[in-house]
Amino acid sequence: MIRHVVALQLAAIDVTDRRRQAEEIKSRLEALADVDDGLLDITVHFDLGLVDSHWPVLLVVDFTDNDALLAYQAHPRHVEVVEWMNTGIVSGRVVVDFEVT
């Protein structure tokens, strides 16, 4: 199994805007659960907000294998969400993909 983990930094400074954006990101990403049979689980988590330097949004997606991950990344619905996030919603991202045994 491949685990795809993405930490997202939000561009908004206002706390209310950040929360609204985080909720919209969660909604859009979790709606991708059906894009490929090899996508086993997709969840979006929010940081507790106790430390200013923490990144506020974390995406965790499990795939059967790397081919399923690649299919997800190329899927038009996923590309649409990424393009939306790149319109000034997300100011940074860190990605780690690893095998879970």
C-alpha atoms as a PDB file:
ATOM      1  CA  MET A   1       0.000   0.000   0.000  1.00  0.00           C
ATOM      2  CA  ILE A   2       1.162   3.529  -0.785  1.00  0.00           C
ATOM      3  CA  ARG A   3       0.360   6.406   1.568  1.00  0.00           C
ATOM      4  CA  HIS A   4       0.294   9.889   0.040  1.00  0.00           C
ATOM      5  CA  VAL A   5       0.590  12.672   2.634  1.00  0.00           C
ATOM      6  CA  VAL A   6       0.307  16.359   1.744  1.00  0.00           C
ATOM      7  CA  ALA A   7       0.643  19.250   4.195  1.00  0.00           C
ATOM      8  CA  LEU A   8      -0.909  22.482   2.943  1.00  0.00           C
ATOM      9  CA  GLN A   9      -0.154  26.042   3.998  1.00  0.00           C
ATOM     10  CA  LEU A  10      -2.983  28.497   3.382  1.00  0.00           C
ATOM     11  CA  ALA A  11      -2.500  31.955   1.909  1.00  0.00           C
ATOM     12  CA  ALA A  12      -5.255  33.682   3.902  1.00  0.00           C
ATOM     13  CA  ILE A  13      -4.170  35.587   6.980  1.00  0.00           C
ATOM     14  CA  ASP A  14      -7.596  36.121   8.558  1.00  0.00           C
ATOM     15  CA  VAL A  15      -8.560  33.211  10.837  1.00  0.00           C
ATOM     16  CA  THR A  16     -12.141  33.088   9.545  1.00  0.00           C
ATOM     17  CA  ASP A  17     -10.977  33.011   5.914  1.00  0.00           C
ATOM     18  CA  ARG A  18      -8.420  30.310   6.712  1.00  0.00           C
ATOM     19  CA  ARG A  19     -11.055  28.111   8.362  1.00  0.00           C
ATOM     20  CA  ARG A  20     -13.469  28.597   5.456  1.00  0.00           C
ATOM     21  CA  GLN A  21     -10.740  27.725   2.955  1.00  0.00           C
ATOM     22  CA  ALA A  22      -9.670  24.686   4.971  1.00  0.00           C
ATOM     23  CA  GLU A  23     -13.259  23.417   5.065  1.00  0.00           C
ATOM     24  CA  GLU A  24     -13.610  23.926   1.300  1.00  0.00           C
ATOM     25  CA  ILE A  25     -10.334  22.087   0.658  1.00  0.00           C
ATOM     26  CA  LYS A  26     -11.558  19.199   2.812  1.00  0.00           C
ATOM     27  CA  SER A  27     -14.864  19.040   0.958  1.00  0.00           C
ATOM     28  CA  ARG A  28     -13.279  19.126  -2.494  1.00  0.00           C
ATOM     29  CA  LEU A  29     -10.522  16.609  -1.726  1.00  0.00           C
ATOM     30  CA  GLU A  30     -12.678  14.095   0.112  1.00  0.00           C
ATOM     31  CA  ALA A  31     -15.138  14.202  -2.811  1.00  0.00           C
ATOM     32  CA  LEU A  32     -12.382  12.539  -4.876  1.00  0.00           C
ATOM     33  CA  ALA A  33     -12.792   9.231  -3.008  1.00  0.00           C
ATOM     34  CA  ASP A  34     -14.410   7.586  -6.023  1.00  0.00           C
ATOM     35  CA  VAL A  35     -11.956   8.592  -8.784  1.00  0.00           C
ATOM     36  CA  ASP A  36     -10.095   5.259  -8.845  1.00  0.00           C
ATOM     37  CA  ASP A  37     -10.704   1.751  -7.505  1.00  0.00           C
ATOM     38  CA  GLY A  38      -7.130   1.765  -6.200  1.00  0.00           C
ATOM     39  CA  LEU A  39      -7.873   4.682  -3.868  1.00  0.00           C
ATOM     40  CA  LEU A  40      -8.538   2.987  -0.527  1.00  0.00           C
ATOM     41  CA  ASP A  41      -9.054   5.944   1.818  1.00  0.00           C
ATOM     42  CA  ILE A  42      -8.861   9.725   1.696  1.00  0.00           C
ATOM     43  CA  THR A  43      -9.092  12.033   4.697  1.00  0.00           C
ATOM     44  CA  VAL A  44      -8.294  15.654   5.405  1.00  0.00           C
ATOM     45  CA  HIS A  45      -7.259  16.681   8.910  1.00  0.00           C
ATOM     46  CA  PHE A  46      -6.894  20.112  10.502  1.00  0.00           C
ATOM     47  CA  ASP A  47      -4.111  21.140  12.837  1.00  0.00           C
ATOM     48  CA  LEU A  48      -5.214  21.996  16.372  1.00  0.00           C
ATOM     49  CA  GLY A  49      -4.047  25.580  15.864  1.00  0.00           C
ATOM     50  CA  LEU A  50      -2.020  25.688  19.058  1.00  0.00           C
ATOM     51  CA  VAL A  51       1.306  26.496  17.390  1.00  0.00           C
ATOM     52  CA  ASP A  52       1.496  29.303  14.811  1.00  0.00           C
ATOM     53  CA  SER A  53       4.240  27.639  12.767  1.00  0.00           C
ATOM     54  CA  HIS A  54       2.224  24.449  12.137  1.00  0.00           C
ATOM     55  CA  TRP A  55       0.681  23.909   8.731  1.00  0.00           C
ATOM     56  CA  PRO A  56      -3.119  23.930   9.013  1.00  0.00           C
ATOM     57  CA  VAL A  57      -4.264  21.204   6.592  1.00  0.00           C
ATOM     58  CA  LEU A  58      -3.098  17.620   6.128  1.00  0.00           C
ATOM     59  CA  LEU A  59      -4.291  15.268   3.388  1.00  0.00           C
ATOM     60  CA  VAL A  60      -3.753  11.521   3.841  1.00  0.00           C
ATOM     61  CA  VAL A  61      -4.609   9.168   0.972  1.00  0.00           C
ATOM     62  CA  ASP A  62      -4.014   5.410   0.824  1.00  0.00           C
ATOM     63  CA  PHE A  63      -3.641   3.608  -2.511  1.00  0.00           C
ATOM     64  CA  THR A  64      -3.285  -0.034  -3.430  1.00  0.00           C
ATOM     65  CA  ASP A  65      -0.106   0.724  -5.374  1.00  0.00           C
ATOM     66  CA  ASN A  66       1.866   3.430  -7.154  1.00  0.00           C
ATOM     67  CA  ASP A  67      -0.157   3.008 -10.368  1.00  0.00           C
ATOM     68  CA  ALA A  68      -3.297   3.969  -8.447  1.00  0.00           C
ATOM     69  CA  LEU A  69      -1.521   7.040  -7.036  1.00  0.00           C
ATOM     70  CA  LEU A  70      -0.459   8.091 -10.527  1.00  0.00           C
ATOM     71  CA  ALA A  71      -3.998   7.565 -11.866  1.00  0.00           C
ATOM     72  CA  TYR A  72      -5.384   9.734  -9.040  1.00  0.00           C
ATOM     73  CA  GLN A  73      -2.898  12.512  -9.681  1.00  0.00           C
ATOM     74  CA  ALA A  74      -3.725  12.574 -13.404  1.00  0.00           C
ATOM     75  CA  HIS A  75      -7.500  12.324 -12.961  1.00  0.00           C
ATOM     76  CA  PRO A  76      -9.271  15.455 -14.305  1.00  0.00           C
ATOM     77  CA  ARG A  77     -11.235  15.975 -11.065  1.00  0.00           C
ATOM     78  CA  HIS A  78      -8.018  15.909  -9.020  1.00  0.00           C
ATOM     79  CA  VAL A  79      -6.308  18.267 -11.462  1.00  0.00           C
ATOM     80  CA  GLU A  80      -9.290  20.634 -11.159  1.00  0.00           C
ATOM     81  CA  VAL A  81      -9.001  20.725  -7.349  1.00  0.00           C
ATOM     82  CA  VAL A  82      -5.245  21.348  -7.509  1.00  0.00           C
ATOM     83  CA  GLU A  83      -5.737  24.145 -10.043  1.00  0.00           C
ATOM     84  CA  TRP A  84      -8.371  25.719  -7.763  1.00  0.00           C
ATOM     85  CA  MET A  85      -6.023  25.528  -4.752  1.00  0.00           C
ATOM     86  CA  ASN A  86      -3.299  27.184  -6.851  1.00  0.00           C
ATOM     87  CA  THR A  87      -5.463  30.283  -7.419  1.00  0.00           C
ATOM     88  CA  GLY A  88      -4.176  31.846  -4.214  1.00  0.00           C
ATOM     89  CA  ILE A  89      -5.797  29.470  -1.725  1.00  0.00           C
ATOM     90  CA  VAL A  90      -2.666  27.428  -0.932  1.00  0.00           C
ATOM     91  CA  SER A  91       0.677  29.164  -0.475  1.00  0.00           C
ATOM     92  CA  GLY A  92       2.765  26.027   0.011  1.00  0.00           C
ATOM     93  CA  ARG A  93       2.666  22.261   0.051  1.00  0.00           C
ATOM     94  CA  VAL A  94       4.906  19.464   1.238  1.00  0.00           C
ATOM     95  CA  VAL A  95       4.358  15.940  -0.096  1.00  0.00           C
ATOM     96  CA  VAL A  96       5.615  12.564   1.125  1.00  0.00           C
ATOM     97  CA  ASP A  97       4.705   9.251  -0.506  1.00  0.00           C
ATOM     98  CA  PHE A  98       5.762   6.049   1.236  1.00  0.00           C
ATOM     99  CA  GLU A  99       5.030   2.366   1.325  1.00  0.00           C
ATOM    100  CA  VAL A 100       3.030   1.005   4.243  1.00  0.00           C
ATOM    101  CA  THR A 101       3.716  -2.615   5.052  1.00  0.00           C
END
